[in-house]
Amino acid sequence: MAISSHFTPESAHFVPDSRQAWLRLVVAVLIAAVGAVGMWSVVVVMPVVQAEFAATRGAVSLSATAIFFGFGLGGVIMGKITDRVGIVPAMAIGIVFVVISYVFAGLSAALWQFILASFLMGLGASTTFAPLMAEASHWFERYRGLAVTIVAAGNYIAGTFWPPLVNWGTQAYGWRATHFAIAIACGVLMTVLVLVLRQIMMKR
């Protein structure tokens, strides 16, 4: 079995398909579900952003394009970082991008700034998909395929609860305040979950 180059001596006795592996998987899915917010929130706020900046539908749709471009490019970049230093440092970088992108989006004074923020959202979200799936593949032998698909499902779990929350926040407090709230929520939740994942990975 291929083992990540960043595995520490403390994890040298890790047993694939063990209870510890499943605990890691649960935390990984939670991280993916929280961190993938960027893939879903822009669709919800697109109409109000379009109205505020008096833009065409085509112009505001570039924000969705930017997210997917950032997501694809980020998957390559974050995958390389994961190979070099491990999933936890890569996730930390992803958290920074997610927080900065949502703060920047909430402060946007022009549509191009919102589109740029959307690109950063994609970069941040990318860490929670392919790199996390690749990392999870090291935790299992017998159930490797199942584990990878479960982690991938975290992105779609995000699609079940983030859009209603973003829609409610936008209607109740406005899209800018909602973006600030997402930055805080993701920053706190993802940091806690990544620290939990790191702690589990350090256990013998």
Protein backbone atom coordinates (compact mmCIF):
# COMPACT_ATOMS: atom_id res chain seq x y z
CA MET A 1 0.00 0.00 0.00
CA ALA A 2 1.29 3.46 -0.89
CA ILE A 3 1.73 5.66 2.15
CA SER A 4 1.75 9.46 2.07
CA SER A 5 5.23 10.88 2.36
CA HIS A 6 4.18 13.13 5.22
CA PHE A 7 3.16 10.31 7.57
CA THR A 8 4.96 10.79 10.86
CA PRO A 9 6.57 8.22 13.15
CA GLU A 10 3.56 8.59 15.43
CA SER A 11 1.35 7.18 12.68
CA ALA A 12 3.77 4.42 11.66
CA HIS A 13 1.56 1.74 13.23
CA PHE A 14 -1.62 2.90 11.52
CA VAL A 15 -3.80 0.00 10.38
CA PRO A 16 -5.82 0.46 7.15
CA ASP A 17 -9.59 -0.15 7.35
CA SER A 18 -9.40 0.22 11.13
CA ARG A 19 -11.70 2.17 13.43
CA GLN A 20 -9.20 5.01 13.29
CA ALA A 21 -9.45 5.01 9.49
CA TRP A 22 -13.22 5.36 9.66
CA LEU A 23 -12.91 8.18 12.20
CA ARG A 24 -10.60 9.98 9.81
CA LEU A 25 -13.12 9.44 7.04
CA VAL A 26 -15.98 10.93 9.06
CA VAL A 27 -13.94 14.05 9.81
CA ALA A 28 -12.85 14.30 6.18
CA VAL A 29 -16.47 14.23 4.99
CA LEU A 30 -17.38 16.98 7.46
CA ILE A 31 -14.47 19.10 6.24
CA ALA A 32 -15.57 18.59 2.64
CA ALA A 33 -19.18 19.46 3.45
CA VAL A 34 -18.19 22.73 5.12
CA GLY A 35 -15.40 23.76 2.77
CA ALA A 36 -17.34 23.20 -0.45
CA VAL A 37 -19.65 26.14 0.30
CA GLY A 38 -18.13 28.13 -2.56
CA MET A 39 -19.41 25.66 -5.12
CA TRP A 40 -23.01 26.41 -4.14
CA SER A 41 -23.35 29.87 -2.60
CA VAL A 42 -22.68 31.90 -5.74
CA VAL A 43 -25.73 30.47 -7.52
CA VAL A 44 -27.96 31.60 -4.67
CA VAL A 45 -26.69 35.19 -4.49
CA MET A 46 -26.26 35.68 -8.23
CA PRO A 47 -29.63 37.46 -8.78
CA VAL A 48 -29.08 39.99 -5.98
CA VAL A 49 -25.47 40.59 -7.00
CA GLN A 50 -26.63 41.15 -10.57
CA ALA A 51 -29.21 43.68 -9.40
CA GLU A 52 -26.80 45.54 -7.12
CA PHE A 53 -24.13 45.96 -9.77
CA ALA A 54 -26.67 46.49 -12.58
CA ALA A 55 -24.98 43.73 -14.57
CA THR A 56 -26.21 41.39 -17.25
CA ARG A 57 -26.88 37.76 -16.46
CA GLY A 58 -23.95 36.78 -18.65
CA ALA A 59 -21.59 39.10 -16.80
CA VAL A 60 -22.58 37.94 -13.32
CA SER A 61 -22.41 34.32 -14.48
CA LEU A 62 -18.67 34.79 -14.87
CA SER A 63 -18.49 34.42 -11.10
CA ALA A 64 -19.61 30.80 -11.43
CA THR A 65 -17.10 30.29 -14.23
CA ALA A 66 -14.37 31.73 -12.00
CA ILE A 67 -15.26 29.36 -9.17
CA PHE A 68 -15.00 26.28 -11.36
CA PHE A 69 -11.78 27.52 -12.92
CA GLY A 70 -10.32 28.11 -9.47
CA PHE A 71 -11.59 24.71 -8.34
CA GLY A 72 -9.90 22.93 -11.22
CA LEU A 73 -6.64 24.85 -11.02
CA GLY A 74 -6.64 24.62 -7.23
CA GLY A 75 -7.02 20.84 -7.38
CA VAL A 76 -3.68 20.63 -9.20
CA ILE A 77 -1.92 23.18 -6.98
CA MET A 78 -3.29 21.85 -3.70
CA GLY A 79 -2.59 18.29 -4.80
CA LYS A 80 1.04 19.21 -5.33
CA ILE A 81 1.18 20.90 -1.92
CA THR A 82 -0.40 17.83 -0.31
CA ASP A 83 2.24 15.60 -1.89
CA ARG A 84 5.00 17.83 -0.52
CA VAL A 85 3.87 18.74 2.99
CA GLY A 86 0.72 16.70 3.72
CA ILE A 87 -3.01 17.18 3.80
CA VAL A 88 -3.17 19.20 7.03
CA PRO A 89 -0.95 22.10 5.82
CA ALA A 90 -2.77 22.03 2.48
CA MET A 91 -6.10 22.25 4.29
CA ALA A 92 -4.79 25.19 6.31
CA ILE A 93 -4.02 27.02 3.06
CA GLY A 94 -7.47 26.15 1.78
CA ILE A 95 -9.07 27.62 4.91
CA VAL A 96 -7.17 30.87 4.41
CA PHE A 97 -8.43 31.10 0.82
CA VAL A 98 -12.02 30.37 1.84
CA VAL A 99 -12.02 33.02 4.58
CA ILE A 100 -10.29 35.68 2.48
CA SER A 101 -12.51 35.03 -0.52
CA TYR A 102 -15.75 35.48 1.41
CA VAL A 103 -14.54 38.61 3.16
CA PHE A 104 -13.37 40.01 -0.17
CA ALA A 105 -16.70 39.11 -1.80
CA GLY A 106 -18.62 40.88 0.96
CA LEU A 107 -16.50 43.99 0.46
CA SER A 108 -16.74 43.98 -3.33
CA ALA A 109 -17.40 47.42 -4.78
CA ALA A 110 -17.54 46.22 -8.38
CA LEU A 111 -18.55 43.07 -10.20
CA TRP A 112 -14.99 42.24 -11.27
CA GLN A 113 -13.99 42.15 -7.60
CA PHE A 114 -16.79 39.70 -6.85
CA ILE A 115 -15.66 37.55 -9.77
CA LEU A 116 -12.08 37.58 -8.47
CA ALA A 117 -13.35 36.62 -5.02
CA SER A 118 -15.24 33.75 -6.63
CA PHE A 119 -12.00 32.49 -8.17
CA LEU A 120 -10.45 32.46 -4.70
CA MET A 121 -13.48 30.57 -3.40
CA GLY A 122 -12.79 27.88 -5.97
CA LEU A 123 -9.16 27.68 -4.91
CA GLY A 124 -10.17 27.25 -1.28
CA ALA A 125 -12.83 24.65 -2.02
CA SER A 126 -10.47 22.62 -4.20
CA THR A 127 -8.57 21.31 -1.17
CA THR A 128 -11.71 19.61 0.10
CA PHE A 129 -12.17 17.48 -3.01
CA ALA A 130 -9.42 15.71 -4.98
CA PRO A 131 -6.57 16.16 -2.44
CA LEU A 132 -8.78 14.96 0.40
CA MET A 133 -10.00 12.02 -1.69
CA ALA A 134 -6.42 11.04 -2.51
CA GLU A 135 -5.46 11.25 1.16
CA ALA A 136 -8.42 9.10 2.19
CA SER A 137 -7.30 6.42 -0.27
CA HIS A 138 -4.24 5.83 1.96
CA TRP A 139 -6.43 4.99 4.94
CA PHE A 140 -8.09 1.93 3.42
CA GLU A 141 -7.23 -1.21 1.47
CA ARG A 142 -10.36 -3.34 1.40
CA TYR A 143 -12.78 -0.38 1.36
CA ARG A 144 -10.63 2.08 -0.59
CA GLY A 145 -13.11 2.68 -3.41
CA LEU A 146 -15.97 3.17 -0.97
CA ALA A 147 -13.93 5.56 1.16
CA VAL A 148 -12.98 7.74 -1.79
CA THR A 149 -16.58 8.02 -2.99
CA ILE A 150 -17.77 8.86 0.53
CA VAL A 151 -15.30 11.74 0.75
CA ALA A 152 -16.38 12.93 -2.70
CA ALA A 153 -19.97 12.93 -1.47
CA GLY A 154 -19.05 15.65 1.03
CA ASN A 155 -19.16 18.17 -1.79
CA TYR A 156 -22.74 17.20 -2.58
CA ILE A 157 -23.73 17.08 1.07
CA ALA A 158 -22.71 20.74 1.08
CA GLY A 159 -25.20 21.29 -1.71
CA THR A 160 -28.05 20.09 0.50
CA PHE A 161 -27.65 22.54 3.38
CA TRP A 162 -25.57 25.53 2.20
CA PRO A 163 -27.99 26.90 -0.44
CA PRO A 164 -30.96 27.14 1.99
CA LEU A 165 -28.74 28.75 4.63
CA VAL A 166 -27.27 31.22 2.16
CA ASN A 167 -30.72 32.04 0.80
CA TRP A 168 -32.10 32.63 4.29
CA GLY A 169 -29.14 34.80 5.27
CA THR A 170 -29.37 36.82 2.07
CA GLN A 171 -33.06 37.52 2.57
CA ALA A 172 -32.73 38.28 6.27
CA TYR A 173 -29.44 40.19 6.42
CA GLY A 174 -28.28 40.81 2.86
CA TRP A 175 -25.74 39.01 0.70
CA ARG A 176 -22.74 40.95 2.03
CA ALA A 177 -23.42 40.17 5.69
CA THR A 178 -24.09 36.56 4.70
CA HIS A 179 -20.68 36.33 3.07
CA PHE A 180 -19.01 37.68 6.20
CA ALA A 181 -20.90 35.13 8.29
CA ILE A 182 -19.80 32.31 5.96
CA ALA A 183 -16.18 33.44 6.32
CA ILE A 184 -16.42 33.25 10.11
CA ALA A 185 -18.35 29.96 10.18
CA CYS A 186 -16.03 28.22 7.72
CA GLY A 187 -12.91 29.60 9.36
CA VAL A 188 -13.93 28.31 12.77
CA LEU A 189 -15.52 25.00 11.77
CA MET A 190 -12.84 23.98 9.29
CA THR A 191 -10.02 24.90 11.65
CA VAL A 192 -11.53 22.80 14.43
CA LEU A 193 -12.16 19.86 12.09
CA VAL A 194 -8.66 19.97 10.61
CA LEU A 195 -7.16 20.04 14.10
CA VAL A 196 -9.30 17.04 15.02
CA LEU A 197 -8.15 15.25 11.87
CA ARG A 198 -4.53 16.02 12.69
CA GLN A 199 -4.99 14.68 16.22
CA ILE A 200 -6.52 11.45 14.93
CA MET A 201 -3.74 11.04 12.37
CA MET A 202 -1.12 11.45 15.09
CA LYS A 203 -2.50 8.62 17.20
CA ARG A 204 -0.80 5.25 17.12
